Amino acid sequence: MKTDELIGLLATHAGAERRPATGAALARAVCVGLLGSLAIVLAGYGLNHQFPQVLGMPLFWMKLGMPVLVALCAGVVASRLARPGVSAGRAGWGIALALVVVWGVAAGQWLAAPPPARAELLWGQTWRSCAFSIGLISLPVLVAALGALREMAPTRLRLAGAAAGALAGGAGAAVYALHCPELGAPFIAVWYVLGMALPVAVGAWLGPRVLRW
């Protein structure tokens, strides 16, 4: 038997002894984590006091939709990586698409704005706290996603941890959008993306440490 075949057989056999790597199991865990994220926002931040008004603004839906798309695509990637021998697939391109769209909108808004208004579009009023707030709000989802993956059989541990982090970052940013008053596309393109990157980095670091089996 060739070495590659032996490794594949061992990985498959070990994975069979773990719980099935199903998207449903990961989704259930993430829903529990989302409750924790919502609790953090409601207790520590509160909803945007202009929430009814911003529902009619396209930039609000971009601010909400971009991280939701990131979370959904990252969830698909994480559920695939939870099974030994399965590649990440093409869902990662959805994450790239979401980022390209928000960066494109941000560039267009930046170029169309008069120079004196550009600083406000980038920095807003909450740039000092935005990224760290998203990271904090993402923590319950990150813990839940890593806990679910730990019961499965991932073999690419760092990548699986990063996927869990992207899932958490997207979910956390979407929940934070319910509070955040900022509507500048450059602000979203920089500070939201940076905030989502924080749990990705943490997940990639934790992956080899907590997902090993």
Protein backbone atom coordinates (compact mmCIF):
# COMPACT_ATOMS: atom_id res chain seq x y z
CA MET A 1 0.00 0.00 0.00
CA LYS A 2 1.33 3.44 -0.91
CA THR A 3 2.09 5.92 1.86
CA ASP A 4 -0.53 8.43 0.63
CA GLU A 5 -3.20 5.74 0.57
CA LEU A 6 -2.28 4.63 4.09
CA ILE A 7 -2.51 8.20 5.42
CA GLY A 8 -5.88 8.66 3.72
CA LEU A 9 -7.17 5.39 5.17
CA LEU A 10 -6.02 6.29 8.68
CA ALA A 11 -7.57 9.76 8.44
CA THR A 12 -10.86 8.32 7.20
CA HIS A 13 -10.92 5.69 9.92
CA ALA A 14 -10.14 8.24 12.63
CA GLY A 15 -12.75 10.58 11.27
CA ALA A 16 -15.36 7.83 11.42
CA GLU A 17 -14.86 7.66 15.16
CA ARG A 18 -15.78 11.33 15.53
CA ARG A 19 -19.21 12.87 15.14
CA PRO A 20 -20.29 13.40 11.54
CA ALA A 21 -19.01 16.66 10.06
CA THR A 22 -22.34 18.11 9.04
CA GLY A 23 -23.19 21.68 8.24
CA ALA A 24 -26.26 21.32 10.47
CA ALA A 25 -24.14 20.62 13.55
CA LEU A 26 -21.98 23.66 12.86
CA ALA A 27 -25.05 25.79 12.18
CA ARG A 28 -26.61 24.80 15.51
CA ALA A 29 -23.45 25.74 17.36
CA VAL A 30 -23.22 29.06 15.55
CA CYS A 31 -26.84 29.89 16.41
CA VAL A 32 -25.97 29.43 20.08
CA GLY A 33 -22.94 31.68 19.63
CA LEU A 34 -25.07 34.30 17.89
CA LEU A 35 -27.30 34.51 20.94
CA GLY A 36 -24.21 35.40 22.96
CA SER A 37 -23.17 38.01 20.40
CA LEU A 38 -26.64 39.56 20.40
CA ALA A 39 -26.59 39.65 24.20
CA ILE A 40 -23.28 41.55 24.14
CA VAL A 41 -24.67 44.14 21.71
CA LEU A 42 -27.99 44.59 23.48
CA ALA A 43 -26.45 44.77 26.95
CA GLY A 44 -23.26 46.67 26.20
CA TYR A 45 -23.97 48.73 23.08
CA GLY A 46 -27.67 48.97 22.32
CA LEU A 47 -29.36 49.23 18.94
CA ASN A 48 -28.75 52.23 16.72
CA HIS A 49 -31.26 54.84 17.88
CA GLN A 50 -31.89 55.68 14.21
CA PHE A 51 -32.44 52.05 13.30
CA PRO A 52 -35.88 52.50 11.64
CA GLN A 53 -34.51 55.29 9.45
CA VAL A 54 -31.35 53.49 8.30
CA LEU A 55 -33.38 50.50 7.10
CA GLY A 56 -34.13 52.51 3.98
CA MET A 57 -30.49 53.29 3.23
CA PRO A 58 -28.61 51.07 0.74
CA LEU A 59 -25.31 51.52 2.59
CA PHE A 60 -26.83 49.99 5.71
CA TRP A 61 -27.72 46.87 3.77
CA MET A 62 -24.22 46.72 2.33
CA LYS A 63 -22.81 47.09 5.85
CA LEU A 64 -25.04 44.22 6.97
CA GLY A 65 -24.94 42.09 3.83
CA MET A 66 -21.16 42.00 3.33
CA PRO A 67 -20.38 40.31 6.68
CA VAL A 68 -23.40 38.02 6.34
CA LEU A 69 -22.04 36.79 3.00
CA VAL A 70 -18.59 36.35 4.55
CA ALA A 71 -20.09 34.33 7.41
CA LEU A 72 -22.15 32.10 5.12
CA CYS A 73 -19.23 31.35 2.81
CA ALA A 74 -16.85 30.77 5.71
CA GLY A 75 -19.39 28.40 7.25
CA VAL A 76 -19.39 26.34 4.06
CA VAL A 77 -15.58 26.27 4.06
CA ALA A 78 -15.46 25.28 7.74
CA SER A 79 -18.00 22.49 7.29
CA ARG A 80 -15.97 21.07 4.39
CA LEU A 81 -12.68 21.28 6.28
CA ALA A 82 -14.32 19.45 9.19
CA ARG A 83 -14.06 16.26 7.12
CA PRO A 84 -10.66 14.67 6.49
CA GLY A 85 -9.47 14.73 2.92
CA VAL A 86 -12.04 17.31 1.78
CA SER A 87 -10.79 20.53 0.22
CA ALA A 88 -11.97 24.00 1.16
CA GLY A 89 -13.93 24.19 -2.08
CA ARG A 90 -14.91 27.35 -3.92
CA ALA A 91 -16.91 29.08 -1.21
CA GLY A 92 -13.83 31.11 -0.32
CA TRP A 93 -14.37 33.01 -3.56
CA GLY A 94 -17.61 34.31 -2.06
CA ILE A 95 -15.60 35.92 0.73
CA ALA A 96 -13.29 37.49 -1.83
CA LEU A 97 -16.29 38.75 -3.82
CA ALA A 98 -17.82 40.38 -0.74
CA LEU A 99 -14.57 42.20 0.00
CA VAL A 100 -14.05 43.29 -3.60
CA VAL A 101 -17.58 44.72 -3.78
CA VAL A 102 -17.28 46.71 -0.55
CA TRP A 103 -13.82 47.97 -1.52
CA GLY A 104 -15.16 48.97 -4.95
CA VAL A 105 -18.08 50.88 -3.44
CA ALA A 106 -15.70 52.49 -0.96
CA ALA A 107 -13.34 53.61 -3.71
CA GLY A 108 -16.23 55.06 -5.70
CA GLN A 109 -17.61 56.98 -2.72
CA TRP A 110 -14.13 58.23 -1.80
CA LEU A 111 -13.40 59.52 -5.31
CA ALA A 112 -16.84 61.13 -5.66
CA ALA A 113 -16.61 62.98 -2.34
CA PRO A 114 -14.99 66.42 -2.13
CA PRO A 115 -11.56 66.23 -0.45
CA PRO A 116 -12.68 67.92 2.80
CA ALA A 117 -15.33 65.21 3.31
CA ARG A 118 -13.06 62.23 2.77
CA ALA A 119 -11.62 62.11 6.27
CA GLU A 120 -15.11 61.74 7.76
CA LEU A 121 -15.90 58.91 5.33
CA LEU A 122 -12.82 56.98 6.45
CA TRP A 123 -12.59 57.70 10.16
CA GLY A 124 -16.21 58.33 11.08
CA GLN A 125 -16.84 58.79 14.80
CA THR A 126 -16.06 55.27 16.08
CA TRP A 127 -12.91 54.11 14.29
CA ARG A 128 -11.04 53.71 17.57
CA SER A 129 -13.48 51.11 18.89
CA CYS A 130 -15.06 49.55 15.80
CA ALA A 131 -12.56 46.77 15.01
CA PHE A 132 -12.11 45.74 18.65
CA SER A 133 -15.87 45.79 19.22
CA ILE A 134 -16.38 43.44 16.28
CA GLY A 135 -13.67 41.17 17.66
CA LEU A 136 -15.34 41.09 21.07
CA ILE A 137 -18.81 40.45 19.66
CA SER A 138 -17.38 37.66 17.49
CA LEU A 139 -16.00 35.70 20.46
CA PRO A 140 -19.13 33.68 21.32
CA VAL A 141 -19.47 32.54 17.71
CA LEU A 142 -15.77 31.71 17.48
CA VAL A 143 -15.92 29.60 20.65
CA ALA A 144 -19.06 27.84 19.42
CA ALA A 145 -17.62 27.17 15.94
CA LEU A 146 -14.32 25.83 17.29
CA GLY A 147 -16.23 23.68 19.78
CA ALA A 148 -18.29 22.18 16.96
CA LEU A 149 -15.22 21.55 14.79
CA ARG A 150 -13.46 19.92 17.73
CA GLU A 151 -16.16 17.24 17.74
CA MET A 152 -15.55 16.55 14.06
CA ALA A 153 -12.43 15.42 12.22
CA PRO A 154 -10.55 18.33 10.64
CA THR A 155 -7.05 17.61 9.41
CA ARG A 156 -6.01 21.05 8.13
CA LEU A 157 -6.18 22.56 11.57
CA ARG A 158 -4.87 26.06 10.96
CA LEU A 159 -7.06 26.57 7.91
CA ALA A 160 -10.10 25.16 9.71
CA GLY A 161 -9.45 27.51 12.62
CA ALA A 162 -9.15 30.46 10.24
CA ALA A 163 -12.44 29.47 8.57
CA ALA A 164 -14.11 29.35 11.99
CA GLY A 165 -12.64 32.81 12.64
CA ALA A 166 -14.00 34.17 9.36
CA LEU A 167 -17.40 32.73 10.20
CA ALA A 168 -17.26 34.37 13.62
CA GLY A 169 -15.94 37.65 12.24
CA GLY A 170 -18.69 37.91 9.66
CA ALA A 171 -21.37 37.04 12.21
CA GLY A 172 -19.94 39.47 14.75
CA ALA A 173 -19.73 42.30 12.24
CA ALA A 174 -23.31 41.69 11.12
CA VAL A 175 -24.55 41.84 14.72
CA TYR A 176 -22.45 44.95 15.41
CA ALA A 177 -24.03 46.61 12.36
CA LEU A 178 -27.30 46.73 14.29
CA HIS A 179 -25.62 49.19 16.66
CA CYS A 180 -23.05 50.96 14.50
CA PRO A 181 -24.06 54.46 13.32
CA GLU A 182 -21.45 54.66 10.56
CA LEU A 183 -22.57 54.58 6.92
CA GLY A 184 -19.40 55.58 5.08
CA ALA A 185 -18.33 52.86 2.67
CA PRO A 186 -14.60 53.61 3.21
CA PHE A 187 -15.16 53.20 6.97
CA ILE A 188 -16.81 49.82 6.42
CA ALA A 189 -14.14 48.72 3.94
CA VAL A 190 -11.33 49.42 6.42
CA TRP A 191 -12.59 49.05 9.99
CA TYR A 192 -15.18 46.33 9.50
CA VAL A 193 -12.74 44.25 7.47
CA LEU A 194 -10.05 44.78 10.10
CA GLY A 195 -12.49 43.77 12.83
CA MET A 196 -13.39 40.58 10.95
CA ALA A 197 -9.71 39.82 10.44
CA LEU A 198 -9.09 39.70 14.20
CA PRO A 199 -11.03 36.45 14.84
CA VAL A 200 -9.53 34.98 11.66
CA ALA A 201 -6.06 35.49 13.12
CA VAL A 202 -7.14 34.13 16.51
CA GLY A 203 -8.82 31.13 14.89
CA ALA A 204 -5.76 30.34 12.79
CA TRP A 205 -3.62 30.48 15.93
CA LEU A 206 -5.99 28.37 18.01
CA GLY A 207 -6.73 25.81 15.30
CA PRO A 208 -3.64 23.63 15.73
CA ARG A 209 -3.99 23.87 19.51
CA VAL A 210 -7.67 23.11 20.08
CA LEU A 211 -8.66 21.06 17.01
CA ARG A 212 -5.90 18.44 17.21
CA TRP A 213 -7.20 14.89 17.58
